Protein backbone atom coordinates (compact mmCIF):
# COMPACT_ATOMS: atom_id res chain seq x y z
CA MET A 1 -56.91 31.57 45.67
CA GLN A 2 -55.88 33.41 42.51
CA PRO A 3 -53.77 36.44 43.39
CA LYS A 4 -54.09 39.81 41.68
CA THR A 5 -52.00 39.99 38.52
CA LEU A 6 -48.49 41.34 39.05
CA PHE A 7 -46.64 41.75 35.84
CA TYR A 8 -43.14 41.32 37.13
CA MET A 9 -41.47 39.33 39.89
CA PRO A 10 -38.63 40.80 41.82
CA TRP A 11 -35.52 38.77 41.07
CA VAL A 12 -32.38 38.96 43.16
CA PRO A 13 -29.62 36.84 41.51
CA ARG A 14 -27.43 36.94 44.63
CA ASP A 15 -30.19 35.39 46.74
CA PHE A 16 -30.88 32.65 44.20
CA ARG A 17 -27.21 31.88 43.75
CA SER A 18 -26.42 31.80 47.48
CA SER A 19 -29.36 29.49 48.18
CA THR A 20 -28.46 27.04 45.38
CA ILE A 21 -24.68 26.84 45.66
CA GLY A 22 -23.56 23.28 45.02
CA TRP A 23 -26.80 22.26 43.41
CA PRO A 24 -26.82 20.46 40.05
CA LEU A 25 -28.01 22.61 37.18
CA VAL A 26 -31.25 20.63 36.82
CA ALA A 27 -32.13 21.36 40.44
CA LYS A 28 -31.60 25.06 39.86
CA ALA A 29 -33.77 24.89 36.78
CA VAL A 30 -36.62 23.08 38.62
CA TYR A 31 -36.39 25.58 41.49
CA ARG A 32 -36.68 28.55 39.13
CA GLU A 33 -39.54 26.92 37.20
CA LEU A 34 -41.43 26.36 40.45
CA LEU A 35 -40.79 29.89 41.66
CA ASP A 36 -42.17 31.26 38.34
CA ALA A 37 -45.19 28.93 38.52
CA GLN A 38 -45.95 29.96 42.12
CA TRP A 39 -45.76 33.62 41.11
CA ASP A 40 -48.35 33.06 38.41
CA MET A 41 -50.56 30.55 40.28
CA GLY A 42 -50.33 31.84 43.85
CA SER A 43 -49.61 28.41 45.30
CA LEU A 44 -48.44 25.08 43.98
CA PRO A 45 -50.05 21.68 44.22
CA ILE A 46 -48.89 19.37 46.99
CA ASP A 47 -48.39 16.30 44.73
CA PRO A 48 -44.73 16.04 43.58
CA GLN A 49 -45.86 14.45 40.29
CA GLU A 50 -47.99 17.50 39.48
CA LEU A 51 -45.01 19.75 40.28
CA ARG A 52 -42.83 17.63 37.95
CA SER A 53 -45.41 18.11 35.25
CA ILE A 54 -45.43 21.91 35.84
CA CYS A 55 -41.67 21.98 35.42
CA GLY A 56 -41.61 19.70 32.41
CA ALA A 57 -38.87 17.62 34.02
CA SER A 58 -38.24 14.06 33.05
CA GLU A 59 -38.39 11.30 35.74
CA SER A 60 -34.56 11.20 36.02
CA GLU A 61 -34.25 15.02 36.23
CA TRP A 62 -36.95 15.16 38.89
CA THR A 63 -35.22 12.39 40.88
CA LYS A 64 -32.03 14.55 40.97
CA ALA A 65 -33.77 17.88 41.61
CA TRP A 66 -36.66 17.26 44.00
CA PRO A 67 -34.61 16.27 47.04
CA LYS A 68 -32.82 19.66 46.87
CA VAL A 69 -35.93 21.73 45.97
CA ALA A 70 -38.51 20.15 48.30
CA SER A 71 -37.49 22.12 51.37
CA LYS A 72 -37.96 25.44 49.48
CA PHE A 73 -41.67 24.73 49.01
CA PRO A 74 -43.10 23.58 52.33
CA GLU A 75 -46.76 22.57 52.48
CA ASN A 76 -49.27 24.98 54.05
CA SER A 77 -53.01 25.46 53.97
CA HIS A 78 -52.91 26.73 50.35
CA GLY A 79 -50.72 23.93 48.93
CA ARG A 80 -46.95 24.45 48.56
CA GLN A 81 -45.44 27.94 48.75
CA ASN A 82 -42.01 29.43 48.94
CA GLU A 83 -42.20 31.79 51.94
CA LYS A 84 -39.65 34.29 50.58
CA LEU A 85 -41.56 34.55 47.27
CA GLU A 86 -44.81 35.28 49.16
CA HIS A 87 -42.95 37.99 51.08
CA HIS A 88 -41.96 39.49 47.69
CA ARG A 89 -45.55 39.21 46.50
CA ALA A 90 -46.81 41.04 49.57
CA SER A 91 -44.24 43.84 49.09
CA SER A 92 -45.13 44.07 45.38
CA MET A 93 -48.86 44.27 46.21
CA GLN A 94 -48.16 47.07 48.74
CA LEU A 95 -46.11 48.98 46.18
CA LEU A 96 -48.84 48.51 43.55
CA GLU A 97 -51.50 49.85 45.90
CA LYS A 98 -49.28 52.73 46.98
CA ARG A 99 -48.69 53.69 43.29
CA ARG A 100 -52.40 53.22 42.43
CA ASN A 101 -53.45 55.46 45.31
CA ALA A 102 -50.84 58.11 44.45
CA SER A 103 -52.01 58.18 40.79
CA GLU A 104 -55.64 58.55 41.90
CA VAL A 105 -54.68 61.51 44.15
CA ALA A 106 -52.68 63.06 41.34
CA ASN A 107 -55.50 62.56 38.83
CA ARG A 108 -58.07 64.12 41.20
CA ALA A 109 -55.74 67.08 41.76
CA ARG A 110 -55.20 67.53 38.05
CA TRP A 111 -58.72 66.77 36.72
CA GLY A 112 -61.06 67.26 39.68
CA THR A 113 -63.38 64.80 41.23
CA ASP A 114 -65.52 64.40 38.09
CA PRO A 115 -63.01 63.86 35.31
CA GLN A 116 -64.40 64.58 31.87
CA PRO A 117 -62.59 63.72 28.69
CA ILE A 118 -60.88 66.85 27.35
CA ARG A 119 -60.25 67.60 23.71
CA ASN A 120 -56.55 67.14 23.74
CA GLY A 121 -56.30 64.67 20.89
CA SER A 122 -56.31 61.64 23.21
CA HIS A 123 -60.09 61.07 23.26
CA GLN A 124 -62.98 60.88 20.79
CA SER A 125 -62.81 64.62 19.96
CA GLN A 126 -59.51 64.31 17.98
CA SER A 127 -61.22 65.79 14.95
CA LEU A 128 -61.15 69.22 16.61
CA TYR A 129 -57.37 69.39 16.17
CA LYS A 130 -57.25 67.96 12.65
CA ASN A 131 -57.06 69.78 9.34
CA PRO A 132 -60.73 69.81 8.20
CA LYS A 133 -59.66 69.24 4.61
CA SER A 134 -57.63 66.08 5.36
CA SER A 135 -57.02 63.67 8.19
CA GLU A 136 -53.63 65.18 9.11
CA PRO A 137 -53.10 66.98 12.40
CA LEU A 138 -52.79 70.78 12.08
CA LYS A 139 -49.20 70.85 13.25
CA GLY A 140 -48.22 68.48 10.43
CA VAL A 141 -49.82 70.68 7.81
CA PHE A 142 -47.68 73.67 8.80
CA GLN A 143 -44.55 71.63 9.19
CA GLU A 144 -45.02 70.30 5.66
CA ARG A 145 -44.93 73.89 4.41
CA LYS A 146 -41.52 74.24 6.11
CA ASN A 147 -42.81 77.27 7.99
CA PRO A 148 -41.61 76.99 11.65
CA LYS A 149 -43.56 80.13 12.72
CA ALA A 150 -46.77 78.76 11.34
CA ALA A 151 -46.15 75.46 13.17
CA GLU A 152 -45.60 77.36 16.42
CA ASN A 153 -48.80 79.29 15.87
CA ALA A 154 -50.68 76.11 15.17
CA GLU A 155 -49.41 74.59 18.45
CA ALA A 156 -50.45 77.77 20.29
CA ALA A 157 -53.91 77.64 18.70
CA ILE A 158 -54.31 73.97 19.73
CA ALA A 159 -53.16 74.77 23.26
CA MET A 160 -55.59 77.67 23.49
CA ALA A 161 -58.42 75.39 22.28
CA ARG A 162 -57.54 72.84 24.93
CA ILE A 163 -57.59 75.55 27.61
CA ARG A 164 -60.98 76.76 26.47
CA ASP A 165 -62.31 73.25 26.56
CA LYS A 166 -60.92 72.68 29.96
CA LEU A 167 -62.52 75.82 31.26
CA LYS A 168 -65.76 74.65 29.62
CA MET A 169 -66.07 77.76 27.51
CA ALA A 170 -67.78 77.96 24.13
CA GLU A 171 -66.73 75.57 21.40
CA PRO A 172 -63.61 76.77 19.59
CA ALA A 173 -64.04 77.69 15.98
CA GLU A 174 -62.85 75.42 13.19
CA PHE A 175 -59.23 76.15 12.26
CA ASP A 176 -58.68 77.33 8.71
CA THR A 177 -55.33 76.03 7.63
CA ASP A 178 -55.23 78.15 4.51
CA ILE A 179 -54.95 81.44 6.32
CA PRO A 180 -51.30 82.37 6.86
CA PHE A 181 -50.34 83.44 10.38
């Protein structure tokens, strides 16, 4: 079974170090490679030679490492899995769902139940906030003139246009950048 994609794996150096004290470096490397592979794959194959291939270990490296690492990946109905890593996966999935649900609630509160793209420069309607005579944003036009008051007024006009759009009022008029504020 392929798990949902989780982009990071919780890593606790103290846990790893305490569970591998006295191990040769190659065994620690194989252990870490198998943990990373399990995180990506969901479970590992049962065959030790397939595991060796996943790690990229030579025969002599595998011979040193596997006796130490084998107990960390017991067989189950899915293949081989490290139980603690699966606990971390379950916790990460719960956190992901909690954050996803919270963002959906926040988006509904902010945008309503039927979100429509607003003309805030982040959707297709970016041209509304551009200088009609060039491809520059209005704010940039006024900043180039080194007129801070004009830049503030341009920001206020853009904010007002966004509010009008959000309230679904009439289309805002084109901005004329040549008129001083």
